[in-house]
Full PDB file with SEQRES, HELIX, SHEET, SSBOND, CRYST1, ORIGX, SCALE, CONECT and MASTER records, all heavy atoms in Angstrom:
SEQRES   1 A   44  LEU ILE ALA ILE GLY GLY SER ASN ALA LYS PRO SER GLU          
SEQRES   2 A   44  VAL VAL ASP GLY VAL SER ASP VAL SER TYR GLU THR SER          
SEQRES   3 A   44  GLY ARG ARG SER THR VAL ALA SER PRO ALA VAL ASP ARG          
SEQRES   4 A   44  TYR PRO ILE ILE LYS                                          
HELIX    1 AA1 ILE A    2  GLY A    5  1                                   4    
CRYST1    1.000    1.000    1.000  90.00  90.00  90.00 P 1           1          
ORIGX1      1.000000  0.000000  0.000000        0.00000                         
ORIGX2      0.000000  1.000000  0.000000        0.00000                         
ORIGX3      0.000000  0.000000  1.000000        0.00000                         
SCALE1      1.000000  0.000000  0.000000        0.00000                         
SCALE2      0.000000  1.000000  0.000000        0.00000                         
SCALE3      0.000000  0.000000  1.000000        0.00000                         
ATOM      1  N   LEU A   1    -147.502  -4.235  46.261  1.00  0.00           N  
ATOM      2  CA  LEU A   1    -146.139  -3.708  46.343  1.00  0.00           C  
ATOM      3  C   LEU A   1    -146.060  -2.283  45.796  1.00  0.00           C  
ATOM      4  O   LEU A   1    -145.324  -1.441  46.328  1.00  0.00           O  
ATOM      5  CB  LEU A   1    -145.175  -4.623  45.592  1.00  0.00           C  
ATOM      6  CG  LEU A   1    -144.862  -5.966  46.244  1.00  0.00           C  
ATOM      7  CD1 LEU A   1    -144.018  -6.832  45.323  1.00  0.00           C  
ATOM      8  CD2 LEU A   1    -144.145  -5.768  47.580  1.00  0.00           C  
ATOM      9  N   ILE A   2    -146.821  -1.993  44.748  1.00  0.00           N  
ATOM     10  CA  ILE A   2    -146.856  -0.638  44.205  1.00  0.00           C  
ATOM     11  C   ILE A   2    -147.410   0.336  45.241  1.00  0.00           C  
ATOM     12  O   ILE A   2    -146.864   1.431  45.445  1.00  0.00           O  
ATOM     13  CB  ILE A   2    -147.688  -0.594  42.911  1.00  0.00           C  
ATOM     14  CG1 ILE A   2    -146.929  -1.271  41.767  1.00  0.00           C  
ATOM     15  CG2 ILE A   2    -148.033   0.851  42.534  1.00  0.00           C  
ATOM     16  CD1 ILE A   2    -147.738  -1.416  40.487  1.00  0.00           C  
ATOM     17  N   ALA A   3    -148.474  -0.072  45.922  1.00  0.00           N  
ATOM     18  CA  ALA A   3    -149.059   0.796  46.948  1.00  0.00           C  
ATOM     19  C   ALA A   3    -148.072   1.058  48.079  1.00  0.00           C  
ATOM     20  O   ALA A   3    -147.952   2.186  48.579  1.00  0.00           O  
ATOM     21  CB  ALA A   3    -150.336   0.159  47.499  1.00  0.00           C  
ATOM     22  N   ILE A   4    -147.338   0.027  48.467  1.00  0.00           N  
ATOM     23  CA  ILE A   4    -146.335   0.177  49.524  1.00  0.00           C  
ATOM     24  C   ILE A   4    -145.196   1.083  49.050  1.00  0.00           C  
ATOM     25  O   ILE A   4    -144.720   1.957  49.782  1.00  0.00           O  
ATOM     26  CB  ILE A   4    -145.783  -1.201  49.934  1.00  0.00           C  
ATOM     27  CG1 ILE A   4    -146.866  -2.027  50.632  1.00  0.00           C  
ATOM     28  CG2 ILE A   4    -144.566  -1.046  50.848  1.00  0.00           C  
ATOM     29  CD1 ILE A   4    -146.485  -3.468  50.865  1.00  0.00           C  
ATOM     30  N   GLY A   5    -144.778   0.870  47.797  1.00  0.00           N  
ATOM     31  CA  GLY A   5    -143.667   1.650  47.260  1.00  0.00           C  
ATOM     32  C   GLY A   5    -143.999   3.111  47.047  1.00  0.00           C  
ATOM     33  O   GLY A   5    -143.102   3.953  46.968  1.00  0.00           O  
ATOM     34  N   GLY A   6    -145.285   3.422  46.972  1.00  0.00           N  
ATOM     35  CA  GLY A   6    -145.676   4.801  46.768  1.00  0.00           C  
ATOM     36  C   GLY A   6    -145.522   5.664  48.000  1.00  0.00           C  
ATOM     37  O   GLY A   6    -145.575   6.896  47.922  1.00  0.00           O  
ATOM     38  N   SER A   7    -145.312   5.035  49.148  1.00  0.00           N  
ATOM     39  CA  SER A   7    -145.108   5.790  50.380  1.00  0.00           C  
ATOM     40  C   SER A   7    -143.635   5.744  50.772  1.00  0.00           C  
ATOM     41  O   SER A   7    -142.952   4.747  50.533  1.00  0.00           O  
ATOM     42  CB  SER A   7    -145.961   5.202  51.510  1.00  0.00           C  
ATOM     43  OG  SER A   7    -145.614   3.848  51.751  1.00  0.00           O  
ATOM     44  N   ASN A   8    -143.164   6.812  51.344  1.00  0.00           N  
ATOM     45  CA  ASN A   8    -141.774   6.912  51.828  1.00  0.00           C  
ATOM     46  C   ASN A   8    -140.736   6.758  50.718  1.00  0.00           C  
ATOM     47  O   ASN A   8    -139.599   6.349  50.973  1.00  0.00           O  
ATOM     48  CB  ASN A   8    -141.506   5.854  52.914  1.00  0.00           C  
ATOM     49  CG  ASN A   8    -142.410   6.016  54.114  1.00  0.00           C  
ATOM     50  OD1 ASN A   8    -142.612   7.130  54.599  1.00  0.00           O  
ATOM     51  ND2 ASN A   8    -142.970   4.908  54.582  1.00  0.00           N  
ATOM     52  N   ALA A   9    -141.127   7.095  49.503  1.00  0.00           N  
ATOM     53  CA  ALA A   9    -140.176   7.012  48.393  1.00  0.00           C  
ATOM     54  C   ALA A   9    -139.246   8.221  48.397  1.00  0.00           C  
ATOM     55  O   ALA A   9    -139.623   9.318  48.823  1.00  0.00           O  
ATOM     56  CB  ALA A   9    -140.923   6.927  47.073  1.00  0.00           C  
ATOM     57  N   LYS A  10    -138.051   8.009  47.917  1.00  0.00           N  
ATOM     58  CA  LYS A  10    -137.064   9.081  47.813  1.00  0.00           C  
ATOM     59  C   LYS A  10    -136.294   8.899  46.513  1.00  0.00           C  
ATOM     60  O   LYS A  10    -136.329   7.821  45.903  1.00  0.00           O  
ATOM     61  CB  LYS A  10    -136.110   9.043  49.008  1.00  0.00           C  
ATOM     62  CG  LYS A  10    -135.309   7.757  49.113  1.00  0.00           C  
ATOM     63  CD  LYS A  10    -134.388   7.768  50.326  1.00  0.00           C  
ATOM     64  CE  LYS A  10    -133.546   6.482  50.388  1.00  0.00           C  
ATOM     65  NZ  LYS A  10    -132.634   6.484  51.547  1.00  0.00           N  
ATOM     66  N   PRO A  11    -135.581   9.933  46.064  1.00  0.00           N  
ATOM     67  CA  PRO A  11    -134.810   9.783  44.822  1.00  0.00           C  
ATOM     68  C   PRO A  11    -133.792   8.649  44.922  1.00  0.00           C  
ATOM     69  O   PRO A  11    -133.137   8.475  45.952  1.00  0.00           O  
ATOM     70  CB  PRO A  11    -134.118  11.145  44.683  1.00  0.00           C  
ATOM     71  CG  PRO A  11    -134.981  12.094  45.450  1.00  0.00           C  
ATOM     72  CD  PRO A  11    -135.515  11.302  46.607  1.00  0.00           C  
ATOM     73  N   SER A  12    -133.698   7.859  43.859  1.00  0.00           N  
ATOM     74  CA  SER A  12    -132.731   6.766  43.837  1.00  0.00           C  
ATOM     75  C   SER A  12    -131.305   7.302  43.765  1.00  0.00           C  
ATOM     76  O   SER A  12    -131.050   8.366  43.190  1.00  0.00           O  
ATOM     77  CB  SER A  12    -132.991   5.859  42.630  1.00  0.00           C  
ATOM     78  OG  SER A  12    -134.276   5.291  42.683  1.00  0.00           O  
ATOM     79  N   GLU A  13    -130.394   6.548  44.352  1.00  0.00           N  
ATOM     80  CA  GLU A  13    -128.982   6.912  44.346  1.00  0.00           C  
ATOM     81  C   GLU A  13    -128.150   5.745  43.838  1.00  0.00           C  
ATOM     82  O   GLU A  13    -128.639   4.622  43.712  1.00  0.00           O  
ATOM     83  CB  GLU A  13    -128.518   7.296  45.765  1.00  0.00           C  
ATOM     84  CG  GLU A  13    -129.239   8.507  46.339  1.00  0.00           C  
ATOM     85  CD  GLU A  13    -128.778   8.843  47.749  1.00  0.00           C  
ATOM     86  OE1 GLU A  13    -128.297   7.920  48.449  1.00  0.00           O  
ATOM     87  OE2 GLU A  13    -128.884  10.012  48.146  1.00  0.00           O  
ATOM     88  N   VAL A  14    -126.897   6.016  43.536  1.00  0.00           N  
ATOM     89  CA  VAL A  14    -125.934   4.966  43.211  1.00  0.00           C  
ATOM     90  C   VAL A  14    -124.820   5.018  44.252  1.00  0.00           C  
ATOM     91  O   VAL A  14    -124.600   6.043  44.904  1.00  0.00           O  
ATOM     92  CB  VAL A  14    -125.350   5.132  41.794  1.00  0.00           C  
ATOM     93  CG1 VAL A  14    -126.445   5.033  40.747  1.00  0.00           C  
ATOM     94  CG2 VAL A  14    -124.608   6.461  41.654  1.00  0.00           C  
ATOM     95  N   VAL A  15    -124.130   3.889  44.413  1.00  0.00           N  
ATOM     96  CA  VAL A  15    -123.045   3.800  45.388  1.00  0.00           C  
ATOM     97  C   VAL A  15    -121.720   3.798  44.663  1.00  0.00           C  
ATOM     98  O   VAL A  15    -121.494   2.987  43.756  1.00  0.00           O  
ATOM     99  CB  VAL A  15    -123.166   2.517  46.242  1.00  0.00           C  
ATOM    100  CG1 VAL A  15    -122.005   2.420  47.224  1.00  0.00           C  
ATOM    101  CG2 VAL A  15    -124.488   2.500  46.989  1.00  0.00           C  
ATOM    102  N   ASP A  16    -120.829   4.715  45.042  1.00  0.00           N  
ATOM    103  CA  ASP A  16    -119.476   4.737  44.484  1.00  0.00           C  
ATOM    104  C   ASP A  16    -118.702   3.530  45.018  1.00  0.00           C  
ATOM    105  O   ASP A  16    -118.603   3.340  46.230  1.00  0.00           O  
ATOM    106  CB  ASP A  16    -118.763   6.034  44.870  1.00  0.00           C  
ATOM    107  CG  ASP A  16    -117.409   6.162  44.209  1.00  0.00           C  
ATOM    108  OD1 ASP A  16    -116.446   5.542  44.717  1.00  0.00           O  
ATOM    109  OD2 ASP A  16    -117.300   6.866  43.199  1.00  0.00           O  
ATOM    110  N   GLY A  17    -118.193   2.707  44.107  1.00  0.00           N  
ATOM    111  CA  GLY A  17    -117.525   1.476  44.503  1.00  0.00           C  
ATOM    112  C   GLY A  17    -116.219   1.671  45.238  1.00  0.00           C  
ATOM    113  O   GLY A  17    -115.725   0.741  45.885  1.00  0.00           O  
ATOM    114  N   VAL A  18    -115.635   2.870  45.149  1.00  0.00           N  
ATOM    115  CA  VAL A  18    -114.354   3.131  45.805  1.00  0.00           C  
ATOM    116  C   VAL A  18    -114.561   3.835  47.142  1.00  0.00           C  
ATOM    117  O   VAL A  18    -114.069   3.403  48.189  1.00  0.00           O  
ATOM    118  CB  VAL A  18    -113.432   3.981  44.896  1.00  0.00           C  
ATOM    119  CG1 VAL A  18    -112.130   4.303  45.633  1.00  0.00           C  
ATOM    120  CG2 VAL A  18    -113.136   3.237  43.611  1.00  0.00           C  
ATOM    121  N   SER A  19    -115.339   4.927  47.133  1.00  0.00           N  
ATOM    122  CA  SER A  19    -115.534   5.718  48.356  1.00  0.00           C  
ATOM    123  C   SER A  19    -116.669   5.192  49.224  1.00  0.00           C  
ATOM    124  O   SER A  19    -116.756   5.541  50.402  1.00  0.00           O  
ATOM    125  CB  SER A  19    -115.812   7.175  47.992  1.00  0.00           C  
ATOM    126  OG  SER A  19    -117.059   7.296  47.327  1.00  0.00           O  
ATOM    127  N   ASP A  20    -117.553   4.366  48.641  1.00  0.00           N  
ATOM    128  CA  ASP A  20    -118.725   3.821  49.339  1.00  0.00           C  
ATOM    129  C   ASP A  20    -119.749   4.908  49.643  1.00  0.00           C  
ATOM    130  O   ASP A  20    -120.619   4.728  50.494  1.00  0.00           O  
ATOM    131  CB  ASP A  20    -118.310   3.101  50.631  1.00  0.00           C  
ATOM    132  CG  ASP A  20    -119.307   2.021  51.054  1.00  0.00           C  
ATOM    133  OD1 ASP A  20    -120.001   1.495  50.170  1.00  0.00           O  
ATOM    134  OD2 ASP A  20    -119.381   1.717  52.248  1.00  0.00           O  
ATOM    135  N   VAL A  21    -119.671   6.032  48.938  1.00  0.00           N  
ATOM    136  CA  VAL A  21    -120.592   7.147  49.135  1.00  0.00           C  
ATOM    137  C   VAL A  21    -121.760   7.019  48.151  1.00  0.00           C  
ATOM    138  O   VAL A  21    -121.563   6.733  46.971  1.00  0.00           O  
ATOM    139  CB  VAL A  21    -119.876   8.494  48.922  1.00  0.00           C  
ATOM    140  CG1 VAL A  21    -120.875   9.647  48.957  1.00  0.00           C  
ATOM    141  CG2 VAL A  21    -118.806   8.693  49.982  1.00  0.00           C  
ATOM    142  N   SER A  22    -122.988   7.231  48.650  1.00  0.00           N  
ATOM    143  CA  SER A  22    -124.173   7.209  47.802  1.00  0.00           C  
ATOM    144  C   SER A  22    -124.479   8.620  47.314  1.00  0.00           C  
ATOM    145  O   SER A  22    -124.335   9.587  48.062  1.00  0.00           O  
ATOM    146  CB  SER A  22    -125.377   6.661  48.572  1.00  0.00           C  
ATOM    147  OG  SER A  22    -125.161   5.334  48.982  1.00  0.00           O  
ATOM    148  N   TYR A  23    -124.920   8.744  46.065  1.00  0.00           N  
ATOM    149  CA  TYR A  23    -125.216  10.065  45.523  1.00  0.00           C  
ATOM    150  C   TYR A  23    -126.237   9.943  44.384  1.00  0.00           C  
ATOM    151  O   TYR A  23    -126.378   8.887  43.759  1.00  0.00           O  
ATOM    152  CB  TYR A  23    -123.942  10.738  45.004  1.00  0.00           C  
ATOM    153  CG  TYR A  23    -123.238   9.959  43.899  1.00  0.00           C  
ATOM    154  CD1 TYR A  23    -123.475  10.231  42.549  1.00  0.00           C  
ATOM    155  CD2 TYR A  23    -122.350   8.940  44.211  1.00  0.00           C  
ATOM    156  CE1 TYR A  23    -122.841   9.521  41.551  1.00  0.00           C  
ATOM    157  CE2 TYR A  23    -121.701   8.215  43.213  1.00  0.00           C  
ATOM    158  CZ  TYR A  23    -121.957   8.515  41.893  1.00  0.00           C  
ATOM    159  OH  TYR A  23    -121.326   7.789  40.896  1.00  0.00           O  
ATOM    160  N   GLU A  24    -126.967  11.026  44.142  1.00  0.00           N  
ATOM    161  CA  GLU A  24    -127.904  11.078  43.035  1.00  0.00           C  
ATOM    162  C   GLU A  24    -127.148  11.378  41.744  1.00  0.00           C  
ATOM    163  O   GLU A  24    -126.128  12.067  41.750  1.00  0.00           O  
ATOM    164  CB  GLU A  24    -128.959  12.149  43.276  1.00  0.00           C  
ATOM    165  CG  GLU A  24    -129.888  11.862  44.450  1.00  0.00           C  
ATOM    166  CD  GLU A  24    -130.922  12.957  44.646  1.00  0.00           C  
ATOM    167  OE1 GLU A  24    -131.387  13.520  43.632  1.00  0.00           O  
ATOM    168  OE2 GLU A  24    -131.256  13.261  45.803  1.00  0.00           O  
ATOM    169  N   THR A  25    -127.663  10.855  40.631  1.00  0.00           N  
ATOM    170  CA  THR A  25    -127.033  11.079  39.334  1.00  0.00           C  
ATOM    171  C   THR A  25    -128.095  11.100  38.254  1.00  0.00           C  
ATOM    172  O   THR A  25    -129.145  10.437  38.388  1.00  0.00           O  
ATOM    173  CB  THR A  25    -126.000   9.978  39.016  1.00  0.00           C  
ATOM    174  OG1 THR A  25    -125.562  10.105  37.659  1.00  0.00           O  
ATOM    175  CG2 THR A  25    -126.585   8.588  39.204  1.00  0.00           C  
ATOM    176  N   SER A  26    -127.840  11.848  37.192  1.00  0.00           N  
ATOM    177  CA  SER A  26    -128.795  11.927  36.087  1.00  0.00           C  
ATOM    178  C   SER A  26    -128.919  10.595  35.360  1.00  0.00           C  
ATOM    179  O   SER A  26    -129.874  10.376  34.606  1.00  0.00           O  
ATOM    180  CB  SER A  26    -128.363  13.020  35.096  1.00  0.00           C  
ATOM    181  OG  SER A  26    -127.078  12.731  34.569  1.00  0.00           O  
ATOM    182  N   GLY A  27    -127.963   9.694  35.576  1.00  0.00           N  
ATOM    183  CA  GLY A  27    -128.012   8.383  34.942  1.00  0.00           C  
ATOM    184  C   GLY A  27    -128.978   7.419  35.612  1.00  0.00           C  
ATOM    185  O   GLY A  27    -129.235   6.330  35.084  1.00  0.00           O  
ATOM    186  N   ARG A  28    -129.517   7.800  36.769  1.00  0.00           N  
ATOM    187  CA  ARG A  28    -130.504   6.974  37.447  1.00  0.00           C  
ATOM    188  C   ARG A  28    -131.649   7.868  37.876  1.00  0.00           C  
ATOM    189  O   ARG A  28    -131.579   8.543  38.908  1.00  0.00           O  
ATOM    190  CB  ARG A  28    -129.895   6.248  38.644  1.00  0.00           C  
ATOM    191  CG  ARG A  28    -130.847   5.209  39.232  1.00  0.00           C  
ATOM    192  CD  ARG A  28    -130.275   4.476  40.431  1.00  0.00           C  
ATOM    193  NE  ARG A  28    -131.153   3.355  40.785  1.00  0.00           N  
ATOM    194  CZ  ARG A  28    -131.042   2.627  41.899  1.00  0.00           C  
ATOM    195  NH1 ARG A  28    -130.078   2.893  42.771  1.00  0.00           N  
ATOM    196  NH2 ARG A  28    -131.877   1.647  42.131  1.00  0.00           N  
ATOM    197  N   ARG A  29    -132.715   7.863  37.095  1.00  0.00           N  
ATOM    198  CA  ARG A  29    -133.853   8.741  37.350  1.00  0.00           C  
ATOM    199  C   ARG A  29    -135.066   7.901  37.746  1.00  0.00           C  
ATOM    200  O   ARG A  29    -135.774   7.361  36.898  1.00  0.00           O  
ATOM    201  CB  ARG A  29    -134.156   9.592  36.121  1.00  0.00           C  
ATOM    202  CG  ARG A  29    -133.107  10.676  35.883  1.00  0.00           C  
ATOM    203  CD  ARG A  29    -133.435  11.511  34.678  1.00  0.00           C  
ATOM    204  NE  ARG A  29    -133.201  10.774  33.439  1.00  0.00           N  
ATOM    205  CZ  ARG A  29    -133.562  11.211  32.229  1.00  0.00           C  
ATOM    206  NH1 ARG A  29    -134.212  12.352  32.106  1.00  0.00           N  
ATOM    207  NH2 ARG A  29    -133.291  10.499  31.153  1.00  0.00           N  
ATOM    208  N   SER A  30    -135.263   7.788  39.049  1.00  0.00           N  
ATOM    209  CA  SER A  30    -136.384   7.034  39.600  1.00  0.00           C  
ATOM    210  C   SER A  30    -136.507   7.382  41.067  1.00  0.00           C  
ATOM    211  O   SER A  30    -135.677   8.109  41.617  1.00  0.00           O  
ATOM    212  CB  SER A  30    -136.163   5.525  39.442  1.00  0.00           C  
ATOM    213  OG  SER A  30    -135.012   5.105  40.159  1.00  0.00           O  
ATOM    214  N   THR A  31    -137.548   6.873  41.708  1.00  0.00           N  
ATOM    215  CA  THR A  31    -137.641   6.941  43.160  1.00  0.00           C  
ATOM    216  C   THR A  31    -137.601   5.526  43.710  1.00  0.00           C  
ATOM    217  O   THR A  31    -137.906   4.555  43.012  1.00  0.00           O  
ATOM    218  CB  THR A  31    -138.933   7.645  43.620  1.00  0.00           C  
ATOM    219  OG1 THR A  31    -140.073   6.929  43.117  1.00  0.00           O  
ATOM    220  CG2 THR A  31    -138.970   9.077  43.131  1.00  0.00           C  
ATOM    221  N   VAL A  32    -137.222   5.409  44.983  1.00  0.00           N  
ATOM    222  CA  VAL A  32    -137.057   4.091  45.592  1.00  0.00           C  
ATOM    223  C   VAL A  32    -137.608   4.105  47.008  1.00  0.00           C  
ATOM    224  O   VAL A  32    -137.507   5.108  47.722  1.00  0.00           O  
ATOM    225  CB  VAL A  32    -135.567   3.669  45.596  1.00  0.00           C  
ATOM    226  CG1 VAL A  32    -134.713   4.661  46.383  1.00  0.00           C  
ATOM    227  CG2 VAL A  32    -135.391   2.257  46.124  1.00  0.00           C  
ATOM    228  N   ALA A  33    -138.215   3.001  47.394  1.00  0.00           N  
ATOM    229  CA  ALA A  33    -138.652   2.787  48.768  1.00  0.00           C  
ATOM    230  C   ALA A  33    -138.138   1.437  49.216  1.00  0.00           C  
ATOM    231  O   ALA A  33    -138.100   0.484  48.433  1.00  0.00           O  
ATOM    232  CB  ALA A  33    -140.174   2.835  48.870  1.00  0.00           C  
ATOM    233  N   SER A  34    -137.702   1.348  50.460  1.00  0.00           N  
ATOM    234  CA  SER A  34    -137.216   0.091  51.039  1.00  0.00           C  
ATOM    235  C   SER A  34    -138.108  -0.279  52.213  1.00  0.00           C  
ATOM    236  O   SER A  34    -137.788   0.009  53.369  1.00  0.00           O  
ATOM    237  CB  SER A  34    -135.750   0.228  51.481  1.00  0.00           C  
ATOM    238  OG  SER A  34    -134.917   0.528  50.383  1.00  0.00           O  
ATOM    239  N   PRO A  35    -139.241  -0.922  51.952  1.00  0.00           N  
ATOM    240  CA  PRO A  35    -140.207  -1.214  53.023  1.00  0.00           C  
ATOM    241  C   PRO A  35    -139.634  -2.181  54.052  1.00  0.00           C  
ATOM    242  O   PRO A  35    -138.907  -3.122  53.712  1.00  0.00           O  
ATOM    243  CB  PRO A  35    -141.384  -1.854  52.270  1.00  0.00           C  
ATOM    244  CG  PRO A  35    -141.173  -1.510  50.826  1.00  0.00           C  
ATOM    245  CD  PRO A  35    -139.705  -1.397  50.644  1.00  0.00           C  
ATOM    246  N   ALA A  36    -139.966  -1.959  55.315  1.00  0.00           N  
ATOM    247  CA  ALA A  36    -139.484  -2.812  56.397  1.00  0.00           C  
ATOM    248  C   ALA A  36    -140.155  -4.179  56.327  1.00  0.00           C  
ATOM    249  O   ALA A  36    -141.378  -4.273  56.224  1.00  0.00           O  
ATOM    250  CB  ALA A  36    -139.757  -2.161  57.754  1.00  0.00           C  
ATOM    251  N   VAL A  37    -139.340  -5.219  56.388  1.00  0.00           N  
ATOM    252  CA  VAL A  37    -139.864  -6.577  56.266  1.00  0.00           C  
ATOM    253  C   VAL A  37    -140.793  -6.934  57.409  1.00  0.00           C  
ATOM    254  O   VAL A  37    -141.739  -7.716  57.235  1.00  0.00           O  
ATOM    255  CB  VAL A  37    -138.693  -7.586  56.161  1.00  0.00           C  
ATOM    256  CG1 VAL A  37    -137.913  -7.632  57.460  1.00  0.00           C  
ATOM    257  CG2 VAL A  37    -139.194  -8.965  55.780  1.00  0.00           C  
ATOM    258  N   ASP A  38    -140.575  -6.359  58.593  1.00  0.00           N  
ATOM    259  CA  ASP A  38    -141.408  -6.675  59.747  1.00  0.00           C  
ATOM    260  C   ASP A  38    -142.712  -5.873  59.785  1.00  0.00           C  
ATOM    261  O   ASP A  38    -143.574  -6.110  60.622  1.00  0.00           O  
ATOM    262  CB  ASP A  38    -140.631  -6.471  61.046  1.00  0.00           C  
ATOM    263  CG  ASP A  38    -140.065  -5.069  61.195  1.00  0.00           C  
ATOM    264  OD1 ASP A  38    -140.152  -4.292  60.237  1.00  0.00           O  
ATOM    265  OD2 ASP A  38    -139.528  -4.763  62.274  1.00  0.00           O  
ATOM    266  N   ARG A  39    -142.870  -4.949  58.855  1.00  0.00           N  
ATOM    267  CA  ARG A  39    -144.089  -4.121  58.807  1.00  0.00           C  
ATOM    268  C   ARG A  39    -145.081  -4.607  57.755  1.00  0.00           C  
ATOM    269  O   ARG A  39    -146.286  -4.440  57.915  1.00  0.00           O  
ATOM    270  CB  ARG A  39    -143.709  -2.662  58.541  1.00  0.00           C  
ATOM    271  CG  ARG A  39    -144.893  -1.714  58.541  1.00  0.00           C  
ATOM    272  CD  ARG A  39    -144.452  -0.279  58.354  1.00  0.00           C  
ATOM    273  NE  ARG A  39    -145.589   0.633  58.317  1.00  0.00           N  
ATOM    274  CZ  ARG A  39    -145.502   1.935  58.076  1.00  0.00           C  
ATOM    275  NH1 ARG A  39    -144.311   2.496  57.870  1.00  0.00           N  
ATOM    276  NH2 ARG A  39    -146.592   2.681  58.039  1.00  0.00           N  
ATOM    277  N   TYR A  40    -144.553  -5.214  56.701  1.00  0.00           N  
ATOM    278  CA  TYR A  40    -145.394  -5.631  55.593  1.00  0.00           C  
ATOM    279  C   TYR A  40    -145.230  -7.127  55.336  1.00  0.00           C  
ATOM    280  O   TYR A  40    -144.183  -7.571  54.839  1.00  0.00           O  
ATOM    281  CB  TYR A  40    -145.031  -4.858  54.322  1.00  0.00           C  
ATOM    282  CG  TYR A  40    -145.189  -3.359  54.440  1.00  0.00           C  
ATOM    283  CD1 TYR A  40    -144.075  -2.545  54.656  1.00  0.00           C  
ATOM    284  CD2 TYR A  40    -146.443  -2.769  54.340  1.00  0.00           C  
ATOM    285  CE1 TYR A  40    -144.221  -1.169  54.755  1.00  0.00           C  
ATOM    286  CE2 TYR A  40    -146.592  -1.398  54.441  1.00  0.00           C  
ATOM    287  CZ  TYR A  40    -145.475  -0.601  54.657  1.00  0.00           C  
ATOM    288  OH  TYR A  40    -145.623   0.752  54.757  1.00  0.00           O  
ATOM    289  N   PRO A  41    -146.239  -7.930  55.651  1.00  0.00           N  
ATOM    290  CA  PRO A  41    -146.142  -9.384  55.455  1.00  0.00           C  
ATOM    291  C   PRO A  41    -145.813  -9.787  54.019  1.00  0.00           C  
ATOM    292  O   PRO A  41    -145.130 -10.797  53.806  1.00  0.00           O  
ATOM    293  CB  PRO A  41    -147.537  -9.880  55.862  1.00  0.00           C  
ATOM    294  CG  PRO A  41    -148.038  -8.853  56.822  1.00  0.00           C  
ATOM    295  CD  PRO A  41    -147.496  -7.552  56.324  1.00  0.00           C  
ATOM    296  N   ILE A  42    -146.258  -8.999  53.035  1.00  0.00           N  
ATOM    297  CA  ILE A  42    -145.988  -9.342  51.641  1.00  0.00           C  
ATOM    298  C   ILE A  42    -144.485  -9.333  51.356  1.00  0.00           C  
ATOM    299  O   ILE A  42    -143.988 -10.145  50.566  1.00  0.00           O  
ATOM    300  CB  ILE A  42    -146.725  -8.366  50.681  1.00  0.00           C  
ATOM    301  CG1 ILE A  42    -146.503  -8.760  49.226  1.00  0.00           C  
ATOM    302  CG2 ILE A  42    -146.282  -6.938  50.912  1.00  0.00           C  
ATOM    303  CD1 ILE A  42    -147.012 -10.113  48.832  1.00  0.00           C  
ATOM    304  N   ILE A  43    -143.732  -8.438  52.002  1.00  0.00           N  
ATOM    305  CA  ILE A  43    -142.292  -8.369  51.789  1.00  0.00           C  
ATOM    306  C   ILE A  43    -141.637  -9.651  52.303  1.00  0.00           C  
ATOM    307  O   ILE A  43    -140.797 -10.258  51.619  1.00  0.00           O  
ATOM    308  CB  ILE A  43    -141.672  -7.143  52.494  1.00  0.00           C  
ATOM    309  CG1 ILE A  43    -142.361  -5.851  52.047  1.00  0.00           C  
ATOM    310  CG2 ILE A  43    -140.175  -7.083  52.227  1.00  0.00           C  
ATOM    311  CD1 ILE A  43    -142.230  -5.562  50.577  1.00  0.00           C  
ATOM    312  N   LYS A  44    -142.035 -10.082  53.476  1.00  0.00           N  
ATOM    313  CA  LYS A  44    -141.500 -11.316  54.041  1.00  0.00           C  
ATOM    314  C   LYS A  44    -141.820 -12.514  53.161  1.00  0.00           C  
ATOM    315  O   LYS A  44    -140.971 -13.391  52.940  1.00  0.00           O  
ATOM    316  CB  LYS A  44    -142.067 -11.534  55.448  1.00  0.00           C  
ATOM    317  CG  LYS A  44    -141.495 -12.736  56.175  1.00  0.00           C  
ATOM    318  CD  LYS A  44    -142.027 -12.814  57.598  1.00  0.00           C  
ATOM    319  CE  LYS A  44    -141.405 -14.002  58.338  1.00  0.00           C  
ATOM    320  NZ  LYS A  44    -141.894 -14.067  59.752  1.00  0.00           N  
TER     321      LYS A  44                                                      
MASTER        0    0    0    1    0    0    0    6  320    1    0    4          
END                                                                             
């Protein structure tokens, strides 16, 4: 999973509960990847 997460990672965002807009913030400092379930058997 670490190897998969190391590719296609982007800065993590948070979702505003009122506007539904995603944005970067200093309160969340990480990168995130959302691997496709149909591409990686381990995810499934």
